[in-house]
Amino acid sequence: MEIKTTDKIVESVMWKLKARSEIGITKYNTTLQDSKETKLEFLRHAQCEAMDLCNYLEVLIQREENAI
């Protein structure tokens, strides 16, 4: 399935998602679709990613506030 868009931002995100997928397939030797990880394992991965995001946001907020 091909998705067409004229939005350069959406196109950029799509390319990054594809690249990220290829990295994961290489690293884990499987696709997300075929992964044997449990629901709990996926939840833990998502939680870790969300915590990383919070840390990245916090450093950017503090930099904008000139706090660090």
PDB file of N, CA and C in Angstrom:
ATOM      1  N   MET A   1       0.840  -1.172   0.000  1.00  0.00           N
ATOM      2  CA  MET A   1       0.000   0.000   0.000  1.00  0.00           C
ATOM      3  C   MET A   1       0.894   1.248   0.000  1.00  0.00           C
ATOM      4  N   GLU A   2       0.603   2.134  -0.904  1.00  0.00           N
ATOM      5  CA  GLU A   2       1.352   3.378  -0.972  1.00  0.00           C
ATOM      6  C   GLU A   2       0.470   4.512  -0.455  1.00  0.00           C
ATOM      7  N   ILE A   3       1.065   5.328   0.396  1.00  0.00           N
ATOM      8  CA  ILE A   3       0.350   6.479   0.930  1.00  0.00           C
ATOM      9  C   ILE A   3       0.992   7.722   0.341  1.00  0.00           C
ATOM     10  N   LYS A   4       0.174   8.541  -0.283  1.00  0.00           N
ATOM     11  CA  LYS A   4       0.692   9.773  -0.881  1.00  0.00           C
ATOM     12  C   LYS A   4       0.295  10.954  -0.011  1.00  0.00           C
ATOM     13  N   THR A   5       1.220  11.891   0.110  1.00  0.00           N
ATOM     14  CA  THR A   5       0.957  13.109   0.861  1.00  0.00           C
ATOM     15  C   THR A   5       1.711  14.261   0.227  1.00  0.00           C
ATOM     16  N   THR A   6       1.160  15.424   0.334  1.00  0.00           N
ATOM     17  CA  THR A   6       1.867  16.628  -0.118  1.00  0.00           C
ATOM     18  C   THR A   6       2.440  17.389   1.070  1.00  0.00           C
ATOM     19  N   ASP A   7       2.242  16.845   2.258  1.00  0.00           N
ATOM     20  CA  ASP A   7       2.734  17.474   3.480  1.00  0.00           C
ATOM     21  C   ASP A   7       4.152  16.986   3.759  1.00  0.00           C
ATOM     22  N   LYS A   8       5.115  17.876   3.639  1.00  0.00           N
ATOM     23  CA  LYS A   8       6.528  17.506   3.815  1.00  0.00           C
ATOM     24  C   LYS A   8       6.833  17.017   5.227  1.00  0.00           C
ATOM     25  N   ILE A   9       6.117  17.522   6.217  1.00  0.00           N
ATOM     26  CA  ILE A   9       6.337  17.079   7.594  1.00  0.00           C
ATOM     27  C   ILE A   9       5.884  15.632   7.747  1.00  0.00           C
ATOM     28  N   VAL A  10       4.702  15.325   7.247  1.00  0.00           N
ATOM     29  CA  VAL A  10       4.181  13.960   7.317  1.00  0.00           C
ATOM     30  C   VAL A  10       5.098  13.013   6.544  1.00  0.00           C
ATOM     31  N   GLU A  11       5.567  13.451   5.402  1.00  0.00           N
ATOM     32  CA  GLU A  11       6.482  12.632   4.606  1.00  0.00           C
ATOM     33  C   GLU A  11       7.779  12.350   5.380  1.00  0.00           C
ATOM     34  N   SER A  12       8.288  13.357   6.056  1.00  0.00           N
ATOM     35  CA  SER A  12       9.501  13.190   6.860  1.00  0.00           C
ATOM     36  C   SER A  12       9.289  12.173   7.970  1.00  0.00           C
ATOM     37  N   VAL A  13       8.150  12.266   8.650  1.00  0.00           N
ATOM     38  CA  VAL A  13       7.840  11.317   9.718  1.00  0.00           C
ATOM     39  C   VAL A  13       7.710   9.899   9.153  1.00  0.00           C
ATOM     40  N   MET A  14       7.072   9.775   7.996  1.00  0.00           N
ATOM     41  CA  MET A  14       6.905   8.455   7.388  1.00  0.00           C
ATOM     42  C   MET A  14       8.261   7.812   7.087  1.00  0.00           C
ATOM     43  N   TRP A  15       9.191   8.596   6.541  1.00  0.00           N
ATOM     44  CA  TRP A  15      10.520   8.067   6.248  1.00  0.00           C
ATOM     45  C   TRP A  15      11.259   7.664   7.525  1.00  0.00           C
ATOM     46  N   LYS A  16      11.100   8.466   8.574  1.00  0.00           N
ATOM     47  CA  LYS A  16      11.751   8.140   9.841  1.00  0.00           C
ATOM     48  C   LYS A  16      11.160   6.873  10.458  1.00  0.00           C
ATOM     49  N   LEU A  17       9.843   6.705  10.353  1.00  0.00           N
ATOM     50  CA  LEU A  17       9.211   5.481  10.854  1.00  0.00           C
ATOM     51  C   LEU A  17       9.718   4.260  10.102  1.00  0.00           C
ATOM     52  N   LYS A  18       9.845   4.392   8.784  1.00  0.00           N
ATOM     53  CA  LYS A  18      10.356   3.282   7.976  1.00  0.00           C
ATOM     54  C   LYS A  18      11.789   2.938   8.380  1.00  0.00           C
ATOM     55  N   ALA A  19      12.624   3.960   8.541  1.00  0.00           N
ATOM     56  CA  ALA A  19      14.012   3.721   8.932  1.00  0.00           C
ATOM     57  C   ALA A  19      14.082   3.077  10.309  1.00  0.00           C
ATOM     58  N   ARG A  20      13.271   3.557  11.227  1.00  0.00           N
ATOM     59  CA  ARG A  20      13.232   3.000  12.585  1.00  0.00           C
ATOM     60  C   ARG A  20      12.794   1.544  12.553  1.00  0.00           C
ATOM     61  N   SER A  21      11.819   1.235  11.704  1.00  0.00           N
ATOM     62  CA  SER A  21      11.351  -0.139  11.560  1.00  0.00           C
ATOM     63  C   SER A  21      12.476  -1.047  11.074  1.00  0.00           C
ATOM     64  N   GLU A  22      13.222  -0.588  10.084  1.00  0.00           N
ATOM     65  CA  GLU A  22      14.326  -1.395   9.549  1.00  0.00           C
ATOM     66  C   GLU A  22      15.391  -1.655  10.614  1.00  0.00           C
ATOM     67  N   ILE A  23      15.662  -0.665  11.447  1.00  0.00           N
ATOM     68  CA  ILE A  23      16.620  -0.837  12.543  1.00  0.00           C
ATOM     69  C   ILE A  23      16.118  -1.912  13.506  1.00  0.00           C
ATOM     70  N   GLY A  24      14.840  -1.837  13.861  1.00  0.00           N
ATOM     71  CA  GLY A  24      14.260  -2.822  14.775  1.00  0.00           C
ATOM     72  C   GLY A  24      14.260  -4.221  14.196  1.00  0.00           C
ATOM     73  N   ILE A  25      13.943  -4.341  12.923  1.00  0.00           N
ATOM     74  CA  ILE A  25      13.937  -5.660  12.270  1.00  0.00           C
ATOM     75  C   ILE A  25      15.330  -6.256  12.293  1.00  0.00           C
ATOM     76  N   THR A  26      16.325  -5.438  12.019  1.00  0.00           N
ATOM     77  CA  THR A  26      17.710  -5.916  12.049  1.00  0.00           C
ATOM     78  C   THR A  26      18.125  -6.293  13.473  1.00  0.00           C
ATOM     79  N   LYS A  27      17.799  -5.451  14.438  1.00  0.00           N
ATOM     80  CA  LYS A  27      18.203  -5.680  15.825  1.00  0.00           C
ATOM     81  C   LYS A  27      17.529  -6.912  16.425  1.00  0.00           C
ATOM     82  N   TYR A  28      16.219  -7.062  16.190  1.00  0.00           N
ATOM     83  CA  TYR A  28      15.455  -8.129  16.840  1.00  0.00           C
ATOM     84  C   TYR A  28      15.146  -9.312  15.924  1.00  0.00           C
ATOM     85  N   ASN A  29      15.545  -9.194  14.664  1.00  0.00           N
ATOM     86  CA  ASN A  29      15.349 -10.264  13.686  1.00  0.00           C
ATOM     87  C   ASN A  29      13.875 -10.644  13.521  1.00  0.00           C
ATOM     88  N   THR A  30      12.995  -9.669  13.668  1.00  0.00           N
ATOM     89  CA  THR A  30      11.565  -9.889  13.473  1.00  0.00           C
ATOM     90  C   THR A  30      10.878  -8.543  13.284  1.00  0.00           C
ATOM     91  N   THR A  31       9.674  -8.597  12.757  1.00  0.00           N
ATOM     92  CA  THR A  31       8.866  -7.386  12.656  1.00  0.00           C
ATOM     93  C   THR A  31       8.018  -7.261  13.911  1.00  0.00           C
ATOM     94  N   LEU A  32       7.441  -6.097  14.130  1.00  0.00           N
ATOM     95  CA  LEU A  32       6.511  -5.947  15.251  1.00  0.00           C
ATOM     96  C   LEU A  32       5.328  -6.897  15.082  1.00  0.00           C
ATOM     97  N   GLN A  33       4.860  -7.014  13.871  1.00  0.00           N
ATOM     98  CA  GLN A  33       3.720  -7.886  13.583  1.00  0.00           C
ATOM     99  C   GLN A  33       3.992  -9.333  13.988  1.00  0.00           C
ATOM    100  N   ASP A  34       5.205  -9.802  13.766  1.00  0.00           N
ATOM    101  CA  ASP A  34       5.551 -11.198  14.046  1.00  0.00           C
ATOM    102  C   ASP A  34       6.233 -11.392  15.396  1.00  0.00           C
ATOM    103  N   SER A  35       6.396 -10.330  16.153  1.00  0.00           N
ATOM    104  CA  SER A  35       7.073 -10.408  17.443  1.00  0.00           C
ATOM    105  C   SER A  35       6.344 -11.359  18.394  1.00  0.00           C
ATOM    106  N   LYS A  36       7.104 -12.080  19.177  1.00  0.00           N
ATOM    107  CA  LYS A  36       6.544 -13.005  20.174  1.00  0.00           C
ATOM    108  C   LYS A  36       6.518 -12.390  21.571  1.00  0.00           C
ATOM    109  N   GLU A  37       6.836 -11.091  21.653  1.00  0.00           N
ATOM    110  CA  GLU A  37       6.819 -10.436  22.964  1.00  0.00           C
ATOM    111  C   GLU A  37       5.395 -10.388  23.498  1.00  0.00           C
ATOM    112  N   THR A  38       5.314 -10.422  24.821  1.00  0.00           N
ATOM    113  CA  THR A  38       4.009 -10.408  25.465  1.00  0.00           C
ATOM    114  C   THR A  38       3.475  -8.979  25.557  1.00  0.00           C
ATOM    115  N   LYS A  39       2.221  -8.880  25.895  1.00  0.00           N
ATOM    116  CA  LYS A  39       1.596  -7.575  26.109  1.00  0.00           C
ATOM    117  C   LYS A  39       2.349  -6.803  27.191  1.00  0.00           C
ATOM    118  N   LEU A  40       2.715  -7.494  28.266  1.00  0.00           N
ATOM    119  CA  LEU A  40       3.438  -6.850  29.356  1.00  0.00           C
ATOM    120  C   LEU A  40       4.798  -6.347  28.883  1.00  0.00           C
ATOM    121  N   GLU A  41       5.487  -7.105  28.061  1.00  0.00           N
ATOM    122  CA  GLU A  41       6.787  -6.663  27.549  1.00  0.00           C
ATOM    123  C   GLU A  41       6.631  -5.420  26.680  1.00  0.00           C
ATOM    124  N   PHE A  42       5.602  -5.397  25.835  1.00  0.00           N
ATOM    125  CA  PHE A  42       5.356  -4.201  25.025  1.00  0.00           C
ATOM    126  C   PHE A  42       5.017  -3.004  25.904  1.00  0.00           C
ATOM    127  N   LEU A  43       4.237  -3.221  26.951  1.00  0.00           N
ATOM    128  CA  LEU A  43       3.898  -2.138  27.871  1.00  0.00           C
ATOM    129  C   LEU A  43       5.141  -1.589  28.556  1.00  0.00           C
ATOM    130  N   ARG A  44       6.049  -2.471  28.948  1.00  0.00           N
ATOM    131  CA  ARG A  44       7.294  -2.033  29.593  1.00  0.00           C
ATOM    132  C   ARG A  44       8.170  -1.240  28.625  1.00  0.00           C
ATOM    133  N   HIS A  45       8.260  -1.707  27.374  1.00  0.00           N
ATOM    134  CA  HIS A  45       9.021  -0.961  26.363  1.00  0.00           C
ATOM    135  C   HIS A  45       8.424   0.438  26.182  1.00  0.00           C
ATOM    136  N   ALA A  46       7.110   0.501  26.070  1.00  0.00           N
ATOM    137  CA  ALA A  46       6.439   1.785  25.872  1.00  0.00           C
ATOM    138  C   ALA A  46       6.656   2.710  27.058  1.00  0.00           C
ATOM    139  N   GLN A  47       6.608   2.157  28.260  1.00  0.00           N
ATOM    140  CA  GLN A  47       6.829   2.963  29.463  1.00  0.00           C
ATOM    141  C   GLN A  47       8.241   3.546  29.455  1.00  0.00           C
ATOM    142  N   CYS A  48       9.220   2.745  29.121  1.00  0.00           N
ATOM    143  CA  CYS A  48      10.606   3.235  29.069  1.00  0.00           C
ATOM    144  C   CYS A  48      10.752   4.340  28.026  1.00  0.00           C
ATOM    145  N   GLU A  49      10.144   4.167  26.867  1.00  0.00           N
ATOM    146  CA  GLU A  49      10.197   5.191  25.826  1.00  0.00           C
ATOM    147  C   GLU A  49       9.532   6.477  26.306  1.00  0.00           C
ATOM    148  N   ALA A  50       8.406   6.347  27.017  1.00  0.00           N
ATOM    149  CA  ALA A  50       7.704   7.529  27.530  1.00  0.00           C
ATOM    150  C   ALA A  50       8.550   8.251  28.575  1.00  0.00           C
ATOM    151  N   MET A  51       9.250   7.498  29.410  1.00  0.00           N
ATOM    152  CA  MET A  51      10.115   8.137  30.414  1.00  0.00           C
ATOM    153  C   MET A  51      11.270   8.857  29.742  1.00  0.00           C
ATOM    154  N   ASP A  52      11.842   8.258  28.694  1.00  0.00           N
ATOM    155  CA  ASP A  52      12.897   8.943  27.942  1.00  0.00           C
ATOM    156  C   ASP A  52      12.363  10.237  27.360  1.00  0.00           C
ATOM    157  N   LEU A  53      11.160  10.194  26.791  1.00  0.00           N
ATOM    158  CA  LEU A  53      10.562  11.394  26.227  1.00  0.00           C
ATOM    159  C   LEU A  53      10.413  12.484  27.279  1.00  0.00           C
ATOM    160  N   CYS A  54       9.964  12.112  28.473  1.00  0.00           N
ATOM    161  CA  CYS A  54       9.829  13.093  29.556  1.00  0.00           C
ATOM    162  C   CYS A  54      11.175  13.747  29.879  1.00  0.00           C
ATOM    163  N   ASN A  55      12.219  12.950  29.903  1.00  0.00           N
ATOM    164  CA  ASN A  55      13.552  13.500  30.174  1.00  0.00           C
ATOM    165  C   ASN A  55      13.989  14.453  29.073  1.00  0.00           C
ATOM    166  N   TYR A  56      13.750  14.092  27.816  1.00  0.00           N
ATOM    167  CA  TYR A  56      14.123  14.962  26.704  1.00  0.00           C
ATOM    168  C   TYR A  56      13.339  16.271  26.762  1.00  0.00           C
ATOM    169  N   LEU A  57      12.048  16.171  27.059  1.00  0.00           N
ATOM    170  CA  LEU A  57      11.225  17.371  27.177  1.00  0.00           C
ATOM    171  C   LEU A  57      11.699  18.265  28.319  1.00  0.00           C
ATOM    172  N   GLU A  58      12.045  17.655  29.432  1.00  0.00           N
ATOM    173  CA  GLU A  58      12.479  18.439  30.592  1.00  0.00           C
ATOM    174  C   GLU A  58      13.762  19.216  30.296  1.00  0.00           C
ATOM    175  N   VAL A  59      14.720  18.577  29.645  1.00  0.00           N
ATOM    176  CA  VAL A  59      15.963  19.297  29.345  1.00  0.00           C
ATOM    177  C   VAL A  59      15.697  20.446  28.379  1.00  0.00           C
ATOM    178  N   LEU A  60      14.833  20.252  27.411  1.00  0.00           N
ATOM    179  CA  LEU A  60      14.510  21.332  26.482  1.00  0.00           C
ATOM    180  C   LEU A  60      13.754  22.468  27.165  1.00  0.00           C
ATOM    181  N   ILE A  61      12.838  22.135  28.052  1.00  0.00           N
ATOM    182  CA  ILE A  61      12.113  23.160  28.812  1.00  0.00           C
ATOM    183  C   ILE A  61      13.084  23.965  29.668  1.00  0.00           C
ATOM    184  N   GLN A  62      13.963  23.270  30.364  1.00  0.00           N
ATOM    185  CA  GLN A  62      14.918  23.981  31.214  1.00  0.00           C
ATOM    186  C   GLN A  62      15.870  24.839  30.394  1.00  0.00           C
ATOM    187  N   ARG A  63      16.267  24.360  29.243  1.00  0.00           N
ATOM    188  CA  ARG A  63      17.125  25.188  28.377  1.00  0.00           C
ATOM    189  C   ARG A  63      16.393  26.426  27.901  1.00  0.00           C
ATOM    190  N   GLU A  64      15.109  26.281  27.553  1.00  0.00           N
ATOM    191  CA  GLU A  64      14.319  27.435  27.119  1.00  0.00           C
ATOM    192  C   GLU A  64      14.129  28.434  28.241  1.00  0.00           C
ATOM    193  N   GLU A  65      14.028  27.927  29.471  1.00  0.00           N
ATOM    194  CA  GLU A  65      13.870  28.804  30.635  1.00  0.00           C
ATOM    195  C   GLU A  65      15.214  29.328  31.128  1.00  0.00           C
ATOM    196  N   ASN A  66      16.277  28.959  30.436  1.00  0.00           N
ATOM    197  CA  ASN A  66      17.641  29.331  30.818  1.00  0.00           C
ATOM    198  C   ASN A  66      17.995  28.860  32.219  1.00  0.00           C
ATOM    199  N   ALA A  67      17.404  27.748  32.623  1.00  0.00           N
ATOM    200  CA  ALA A  67      17.667  27.206  33.956  1.00  0.00           C
ATOM    201  C   ALA A  67      18.945  26.363  33.977  1.00  0.00           C
ATOM    202  N   ILE A  68      19.346  25.870  32.792  1.00  0.00           N
ATOM    203  CA  ILE A  68      20.587  25.089  32.752  1.00  0.00           C
ATOM    204  C   ILE A  68      21.406  25.537  31.567  1.00  0.00           C
TER     205      ILE A  68
END
